Amino acid sequence: MRPEWNEYFIEIAKVVSKRSTCLRRKYGAVIVKDRVMISTGYNGSPRGLANCIDTGTCTREEQNVPSGERYELCEAVHAEQNAIINAQPDRMKNATIYIAGYEEDMSFATGKPCKLCDRMIRNAQIKEVIYLDKDGELKTLTMP
């Protein structure tokens, strides 16, 4: 069966998440405009820095930091941030970003953007966020 567009692009975000270099969670993001992919991104260390999967250590994990807290301890750039960094600014206006994430055990992690990514998405003038929630359902956020 041929997938509808949202399913198609969220499946691509799932594949992009497989490139993640994070030990804790794997996220992938795809920015799309007029049904054309503009950019992709996954969470991982900035270019030139050692990746957590290579060092085998995660500072937040070692310190038992709960999800959503103490992001300043993490070396990783979020998937949404990388997708925005890699895109041409004028192409993102009124685009949609698709986000998929997985926990370490490969169960779904919520793809809802954190506060910082939410601000970056708004600043990039992306109009819609479609993400997989923990239950595997697609959720939509419309940016004002």
N, C-alpha and C. Protein backbone atom coordinates (compact mmCIF):
# COMPACT_ATOMS: atom_id res chain seq x y z
N MET A 1 0.85 -1.17 0.00
CA MET A 1 0.00 0.00 0.00
C MET A 1 0.90 1.25 0.00
N ARG A 2 0.54 2.19 -0.80
CA ARG A 2 1.31 3.43 -0.91
C ARG A 2 1.04 4.33 0.29
N PRO A 3 2.11 4.76 1.00
CA PRO A 3 1.88 5.61 2.19
C PRO A 3 1.46 7.02 1.80
N GLU A 4 0.64 7.63 2.67
CA GLU A 4 0.31 9.04 2.43
C GLU A 4 1.55 9.87 2.81
N TRP A 5 1.54 11.14 2.47
CA TRP A 5 2.74 11.97 2.59
C TRP A 5 3.32 12.05 3.99
N ASN A 6 2.47 12.25 5.00
CA ASN A 6 3.00 12.35 6.37
C ASN A 6 3.68 11.05 6.80
N GLU A 7 3.08 9.91 6.45
CA GLU A 7 3.70 8.63 6.77
C GLU A 7 5.03 8.46 6.03
N TYR A 8 5.06 8.86 4.78
CA TYR A 8 6.26 8.76 3.96
C TYR A 8 7.42 9.54 4.60
N PHE A 9 7.17 10.80 4.96
CA PHE A 9 8.25 11.63 5.50
C PHE A 9 8.63 11.23 6.93
N ILE A 10 7.68 10.73 7.72
CA ILE A 10 8.05 10.29 9.07
C ILE A 10 8.88 9.01 8.98
N GLU A 11 8.63 8.18 7.99
CA GLU A 11 9.45 6.98 7.78
C GLU A 11 10.87 7.38 7.42
N ILE A 12 11.03 8.43 6.63
CA ILE A 12 12.37 8.91 6.29
C ILE A 12 13.06 9.44 7.55
N ALA A 13 12.31 10.16 8.41
CA ALA A 13 12.88 10.64 9.68
C ALA A 13 13.35 9.47 10.55
N LYS A 14 12.61 8.37 10.53
CA LYS A 14 13.02 7.18 11.28
C LYS A 14 14.36 6.66 10.76
N VAL A 15 14.50 6.61 9.45
CA VAL A 15 15.76 6.13 8.86
C VAL A 15 16.90 7.08 9.21
N VAL A 16 16.65 8.38 9.14
CA VAL A 16 17.68 9.37 9.47
C VAL A 16 18.13 9.18 10.93
N SER A 17 17.21 8.83 11.82
CA SER A 17 17.56 8.64 13.23
C SER A 17 18.60 7.54 13.43
N LYS A 18 18.70 6.62 12.50
CA LYS A 18 19.67 5.53 12.60
C LYS A 18 21.12 6.03 12.50
N ARG A 19 21.32 7.26 12.02
CA ARG A 19 22.65 7.86 11.95
C ARG A 19 23.07 8.52 13.27
N SER A 20 22.15 8.60 14.21
CA SER A 20 22.42 9.25 15.50
C SER A 20 23.64 8.63 16.17
N THR A 21 24.39 9.49 16.85
CA THR A 21 25.57 9.01 17.58
C THR A 21 25.37 9.07 19.09
N CYS A 22 24.13 9.26 19.52
CA CYS A 22 23.79 9.34 20.94
C CYS A 22 23.57 7.95 21.52
N LEU A 23 24.05 7.74 22.72
CA LEU A 23 23.84 6.46 23.41
C LEU A 23 22.46 6.37 24.03
N ARG A 24 21.88 7.50 24.35
CA ARG A 24 20.64 7.55 25.12
C ARG A 24 19.39 7.47 24.26
N ARG A 25 19.31 8.31 23.26
CA ARG A 25 18.15 8.36 22.37
C ARG A 25 18.61 8.69 20.96
N LYS A 26 17.87 8.19 19.99
CA LYS A 26 18.18 8.43 18.59
C LYS A 26 17.03 9.20 17.96
N TYR A 27 17.35 10.36 17.38
CA TYR A 27 16.33 11.19 16.73
C TYR A 27 16.75 11.50 15.30
N GLY A 28 15.73 11.60 14.46
CA GLY A 28 15.94 12.05 13.08
C GLY A 28 14.91 13.11 12.75
N ALA A 29 15.30 14.07 11.91
CA ALA A 29 14.40 15.14 11.49
C ALA A 29 14.54 15.36 10.00
N VAL A 30 13.43 15.68 9.37
CA VAL A 30 13.39 15.97 7.94
C VAL A 30 12.57 17.24 7.74
N ILE A 31 13.14 18.22 7.05
CA ILE A 31 12.41 19.45 6.72
C ILE A 31 11.93 19.31 5.28
N VAL A 32 10.63 19.57 5.09
CA VAL A 32 9.97 19.37 3.80
C VAL A 32 9.16 20.60 3.42
N LYS A 33 9.25 20.96 2.15
CA LYS A 33 8.42 22.05 1.63
C LYS A 33 7.89 21.64 0.26
N ASP A 34 6.61 21.78 0.09
CA ASP A 34 5.96 21.40 -1.18
C ASP A 34 6.29 19.96 -1.56
N ARG A 35 6.30 19.08 -0.55
CA ARG A 35 6.57 17.65 -0.72
C ARG A 35 7.96 17.33 -1.24
N VAL A 36 8.89 18.26 -1.03
CA VAL A 36 10.29 18.08 -1.42
C VAL A 36 11.15 18.22 -0.16
N MET A 37 12.05 17.26 0.07
CA MET A 37 12.93 17.34 1.23
C MET A 37 13.96 18.44 1.03
N ILE A 38 14.07 19.29 2.04
CA ILE A 38 15.02 20.40 2.03
C ILE A 38 16.29 20.03 2.79
N SER A 39 16.10 19.30 3.90
CA SER A 39 17.23 19.02 4.78
C SER A 39 16.88 17.87 5.72
N THR A 40 17.93 17.21 6.21
CA THR A 40 17.75 16.21 7.25
C THR A 40 18.76 16.47 8.36
N GLY A 41 18.51 15.90 9.51
CA GLY A 41 19.44 16.01 10.63
C GLY A 41 19.19 14.92 11.64
N TYR A 42 20.22 14.55 12.36
CA TYR A 42 20.10 13.58 13.44
C TYR A 42 20.89 14.11 14.63
N ASN A 43 20.62 13.58 15.82
CA ASN A 43 21.32 14.07 17.00
C ASN A 43 22.69 13.43 17.13
N GLY A 44 23.65 14.28 17.44
CA GLY A 44 25.02 13.81 17.61
C GLY A 44 25.95 14.96 17.92
N SER A 45 27.17 14.62 18.24
CA SER A 45 28.16 15.63 18.60
C SER A 45 28.42 16.58 17.43
N PRO A 46 28.81 17.83 17.74
CA PRO A 46 29.16 18.76 16.68
C PRO A 46 30.34 18.23 15.86
N ARG A 47 30.42 18.69 14.64
CA ARG A 47 31.52 18.27 13.77
C ARG A 47 32.86 18.50 14.47
N GLY A 48 33.73 17.51 14.40
CA GLY A 48 35.06 17.63 14.98
C GLY A 48 35.18 17.16 16.41
N LEU A 49 34.06 16.93 17.11
CA LEU A 49 34.10 16.43 18.49
C LEU A 49 33.83 14.93 18.51
N ALA A 50 34.35 14.26 19.50
CA ALA A 50 34.12 12.82 19.64
C ALA A 50 32.65 12.53 19.89
N ASN A 51 32.15 11.49 19.27
CA ASN A 51 30.77 11.06 19.45
C ASN A 51 30.65 10.15 20.67
N CYS A 52 29.51 10.19 21.32
CA CYS A 52 29.28 9.34 22.49
C CYS A 52 29.39 7.86 22.14
N ILE A 53 28.92 7.46 20.95
CA ILE A 53 29.01 6.05 20.59
C ILE A 53 30.46 5.61 20.40
N ASP A 54 31.34 6.57 20.09
CA ASP A 54 32.76 6.25 19.92
C ASP A 54 33.49 6.21 21.27
N THR A 55 33.12 7.11 22.18
CA THR A 55 33.78 7.14 23.49
C THR A 55 33.14 6.15 24.46
N GLY A 56 31.89 5.78 24.18
CA GLY A 56 31.17 4.84 25.05
C GLY A 56 30.68 5.47 26.33
N THR A 57 30.68 6.81 26.40
CA THR A 57 30.22 7.48 27.61
C THR A 57 29.17 8.55 27.30
N CYS A 58 28.26 8.70 28.23
CA CYS A 58 27.23 9.74 28.17
C CYS A 58 27.20 10.40 29.55
N THR A 59 27.58 11.66 29.60
CA THR A 59 27.66 12.38 30.88
C THR A 59 26.31 12.40 31.59
N ARG A 60 25.24 12.66 30.85
CA ARG A 60 23.91 12.71 31.47
C ARG A 60 23.50 11.35 32.01
N GLU A 61 23.85 10.29 31.30
CA GLU A 61 23.54 8.93 31.75
C GLU A 61 24.35 8.60 33.00
N GLU A 62 25.64 8.94 32.99
CA GLU A 62 26.50 8.68 34.15
C GLU A 62 26.00 9.38 35.40
N GLN A 63 25.39 10.55 35.23
CA GLN A 63 24.89 11.33 36.37
C GLN A 63 23.41 11.09 36.63
N ASN A 64 22.81 10.11 35.93
CA ASN A 64 21.39 9.77 36.09
C ASN A 64 20.47 10.98 35.94
N VAL A 65 20.76 11.82 34.94
CA VAL A 65 19.95 13.01 34.68
C VAL A 65 18.67 12.59 33.97
N PRO A 66 17.51 12.96 34.51
CA PRO A 66 16.24 12.60 33.86
C PRO A 66 16.09 13.27 32.50
N SER A 67 15.25 12.66 31.68
CA SER A 67 14.95 13.20 30.36
C SER A 67 14.43 14.63 30.49
N GLY A 68 14.90 15.50 29.59
CA GLY A 68 14.42 16.88 29.57
C GLY A 68 15.15 17.82 30.52
N GLU A 69 16.14 17.33 31.24
CA GLU A 69 16.86 18.16 32.19
C GLU A 69 18.35 18.22 31.87
N ARG A 70 18.97 19.33 32.26
CA ARG A 70 20.43 19.52 32.21
C ARG A 70 21.04 19.28 30.82
N TYR A 71 20.39 19.82 29.79
CA TYR A 71 20.90 19.67 28.43
C TYR A 71 22.31 20.22 28.27
N GLU A 72 22.69 21.15 29.13
CA GLU A 72 24.03 21.75 29.01
C GLU A 72 25.14 20.73 29.24
N LEU A 73 24.83 19.59 29.84
CA LEU A 73 25.83 18.55 30.06
C LEU A 73 26.07 17.70 28.82
N CYS A 74 25.18 17.80 27.86
CA CYS A 74 25.23 16.95 26.67
C CYS A 74 26.00 17.63 25.55
N GLU A 75 26.84 16.86 24.86
CA GLU A 75 27.61 17.37 23.73
C GLU A 75 26.78 17.46 22.46
N ALA A 76 25.69 16.70 22.40
CA ALA A 76 24.94 16.54 21.14
C ALA A 76 24.19 17.79 20.69
N VAL A 77 24.12 17.92 19.38
CA VAL A 77 23.25 18.88 18.72
C VAL A 77 22.00 18.08 18.36
N HIS A 78 20.81 18.63 18.65
CA HIS A 78 19.57 17.91 18.39
C HIS A 78 19.31 17.76 16.90
N ALA A 79 18.52 16.75 16.54
CA ALA A 79 18.20 16.47 15.15
C ALA A 79 17.57 17.68 14.46
N GLU A 80 16.63 18.33 15.14
CA GLU A 80 15.97 19.51 14.57
C GLU A 80 16.98 20.62 14.30
N GLN A 81 17.89 20.82 15.25
CA GLN A 81 18.91 21.86 15.11
C GLN A 81 19.80 21.56 13.91
N ASN A 82 20.23 20.31 13.76
CA ASN A 82 21.08 19.95 12.63
C ASN A 82 20.35 20.12 11.30
N ALA A 83 19.08 19.74 11.26
CA ALA A 83 18.31 19.91 10.02
C ALA A 83 18.20 21.39 9.66
N ILE A 84 17.97 22.25 10.65
CA ILE A 84 17.86 23.69 10.42
C ILE A 84 19.21 24.26 9.99
N ILE A 85 20.28 23.86 10.66
CA ILE A 85 21.63 24.34 10.33
C ILE A 85 21.99 23.98 8.89
N ASN A 86 21.58 22.80 8.44
CA ASN A 86 21.94 22.31 7.11
C ASN A 86 21.04 22.81 5.98
N ALA A 87 19.98 23.53 6.31
CA ALA A 87 19.02 23.99 5.30
C ALA A 87 19.29 25.43 4.88
N GLN A 88 18.84 25.77 3.68
CA GLN A 88 18.90 27.16 3.23
C GLN A 88 17.77 27.92 3.92
N PRO A 89 18.07 29.04 4.56
CA PRO A 89 17.07 29.77 5.33
C PRO A 89 15.80 30.12 4.55
N ASP A 90 15.93 30.56 3.33
CA ASP A 90 14.75 30.98 2.57
C ASP A 90 13.85 29.80 2.20
N ARG A 91 14.37 28.58 2.16
CA ARG A 91 13.58 27.40 1.81
C ARG A 91 12.74 26.91 3.00
N MET A 92 13.11 27.29 4.23
CA MET A 92 12.39 26.79 5.41
C MET A 92 11.09 27.54 5.70
N LYS A 93 10.94 28.72 5.16
CA LYS A 93 9.73 29.51 5.44
C LYS A 93 8.49 28.73 4.98
N ASN A 94 7.59 28.51 5.93
CA ASN A 94 6.33 27.79 5.73
C ASN A 94 6.52 26.29 5.44
N ALA A 95 7.66 25.75 5.80
CA ALA A 95 7.93 24.32 5.60
C ALA A 95 7.36 23.51 6.77
N THR A 96 7.51 22.20 6.69
CA THR A 96 7.11 21.27 7.75
C THR A 96 8.35 20.50 8.17
N ILE A 97 8.49 20.27 9.48
CA ILE A 97 9.57 19.42 9.97
C ILE A 97 8.95 18.16 10.57
N TYR A 98 9.51 17.02 10.19
CA TYR A 98 9.07 15.72 10.68
C TYR A 98 10.15 15.21 11.63
N ILE A 99 9.71 14.70 12.81
CA ILE A 99 10.67 14.27 13.83
C ILE A 99 10.27 12.89 14.36
N ALA A 100 11.24 11.97 14.38
CA ALA A 100 11.02 10.63 14.94
C ALA A 100 12.15 10.33 15.90
N GLY A 101 11.81 9.68 17.02
CA GLY A 101 12.82 9.36 18.01
C GLY A 101 12.61 7.99 18.64
N TYR A 102 13.73 7.43 19.10
CA TYR A 102 13.72 6.12 19.74
C TYR A 102 14.52 6.14 21.02
N GLU A 103 14.02 5.39 22.00
CA GLU A 103 14.75 5.17 23.24
C GLU A 103 15.86 4.16 22.98
N GLU A 104 16.69 3.96 23.98
CA GLU A 104 17.81 3.00 23.86
C GLU A 104 17.30 1.59 23.53
N ASP A 105 16.12 1.23 24.05
CA ASP A 105 15.55 -0.10 23.80
C ASP A 105 14.75 -0.17 22.49
N MET A 106 14.81 0.91 21.70
CA MET A 106 14.15 1.05 20.41
C MET A 106 12.62 1.23 20.50
N SER A 107 12.10 1.50 21.70
CA SER A 107 10.70 1.92 21.81
C SER A 107 10.66 3.39 21.39
N PHE A 108 9.48 3.87 21.02
CA PHE A 108 9.37 5.26 20.58
C PHE A 108 9.65 6.23 21.71
N ALA A 109 10.38 7.28 21.40
CA ALA A 109 10.58 8.42 22.31
C ALA A 109 9.74 9.55 21.72
N THR A 110 9.24 10.43 22.54
CA THR A 110 8.45 11.51 21.98
C THR A 110 9.33 12.41 21.12
N GLY A 111 8.83 12.74 19.95
CA GLY A 111 9.55 13.62 19.04
C GLY A 111 9.19 15.08 19.21
N LYS A 112 8.37 15.36 20.23
CA LYS A 112 7.99 16.75 20.46
C LYS A 112 9.23 17.57 20.77
N PRO A 113 9.43 18.68 20.06
CA PRO A 113 10.65 19.47 20.26
C PRO A 113 10.79 20.02 21.68
N CYS A 114 12.03 20.07 22.17
CA CYS A 114 12.32 20.71 23.45
C CYS A 114 12.15 22.22 23.29
N LYS A 115 12.26 22.95 24.37
CA LYS A 115 12.08 24.41 24.34
C LYS A 115 13.04 25.09 23.37
N LEU A 116 14.32 24.70 23.42
CA LEU A 116 15.31 25.33 22.55
C LEU A 116 15.00 25.04 21.08
N CYS A 117 14.69 23.78 20.75
CA CYS A 117 14.38 23.43 19.37
C CYS A 117 13.10 24.12 18.91
N ASP A 118 12.12 24.22 19.81
CA ASP A 118 10.88 24.94 19.48
C ASP A 118 11.19 26.37 19.05
N ARG A 119 12.07 27.03 19.79
CA ARG A 119 12.44 28.41 19.42
C ARG A 119 13.17 28.46 18.09
N MET A 120 14.06 27.50 17.85
CA MET A 120 14.78 27.48 16.58
C MET A 120 13.84 27.22 15.41
N ILE A 121 12.88 26.32 15.60
CA ILE A 121 11.88 26.03 14.56
C ILE A 121 11.08 27.28 14.24
N ARG A 122 10.65 27.98 15.26
CA ARG A 122 9.89 29.23 15.05
C ARG A 122 10.75 30.27 14.33
N ASN A 123 11.99 30.39 14.76
CA ASN A 123 12.89 31.38 14.17
C ASN A 123 13.20 31.06 12.70
N ALA A 124 13.20 29.78 12.36
CA ALA A 124 13.42 29.36 10.97
C ALA A 124 12.16 29.54 10.13
N GLN A 125 11.08 29.94 10.76
CA GLN A 125 9.78 30.19 10.12
C GLN A 125 9.15 28.91 9.55
N ILE A 126 9.49 27.78 10.18
CA ILE A 126 8.84 26.52 9.84
C ILE A 126 7.43 26.59 10.41
N LYS A 127 6.43 26.24 9.61
CA LYS A 127 5.04 26.45 10.03
C LYS A 127 4.41 25.27 10.75
N GLU A 128 4.96 24.06 10.55
CA GLU A 128 4.31 22.89 11.11
C GLU A 128 5.34 21.86 11.57
N VAL A 129 5.04 21.22 12.70
CA VAL A 129 5.87 20.15 13.24
C VAL A 129 5.00 18.90 13.29
N ILE A 130 5.48 17.84 12.67
CA ILE A 130 4.79 16.55 12.74
C ILE A 130 5.78 15.58 13.36
N TYR A 131 5.37 14.96 14.47
CA TYR A 131 6.29 14.09 15.19
C TYR A 131 5.61 12.82 15.67
N LEU A 132 6.42 11.81 15.91
CA LEU A 132 5.93 10.57 16.50
C LEU A 132 5.94 10.73 18.01
N ASP A 133 4.85 10.36 18.65
CA ASP A 133 4.78 10.40 20.09
C ASP A 133 5.21 9.04 20.66
N LYS A 134 5.29 8.94 21.96
CA LYS A 134 5.74 7.70 22.61
C LYS A 134 4.88 6.50 22.23
N ASP A 135 3.61 6.75 21.90
CA ASP A 135 2.71 5.66 21.52
C ASP A 135 2.79 5.30 20.04
N GLY A 136 3.69 5.96 19.30
CA GLY A 136 3.84 5.70 17.89
C GLY A 136 2.85 6.43 17.00
N GLU A 137 2.05 7.30 17.61
CA GLU A 137 1.05 8.07 16.86
C GLU A 137 1.65 9.37 16.36
N LEU A 138 1.20 9.82 15.19
CA LEU A 138 1.63 11.11 14.65
C LEU A 138 0.90 12.24 15.35
N LYS A 139 1.63 13.25 15.75
CA LYS A 139 1.08 14.45 16.37
C LYS A 139 1.48 15.65 15.52
N THR A 140 0.66 16.68 15.53
CA THR A 140 0.94 17.87 14.74
C THR A 140 0.90 19.12 15.61
N LEU A 141 1.90 19.97 15.45
CA LEU A 141 1.94 21.28 16.08
C LEU A 141 1.96 22.32 14.96
N THR A 142 1.07 23.29 15.04
CA THR A 142 1.10 24.39 14.09
C THR A 142 1.75 25.57 14.78
N MET A 143 2.78 26.10 14.15
CA MET A 143 3.54 27.21 14.74
C MET A 143 2.85 28.51 14.38
N PRO A 144 2.64 29.38 15.38
CA PRO A 144 1.97 30.67 15.09
C PRO A 144 2.85 31.61 14.28
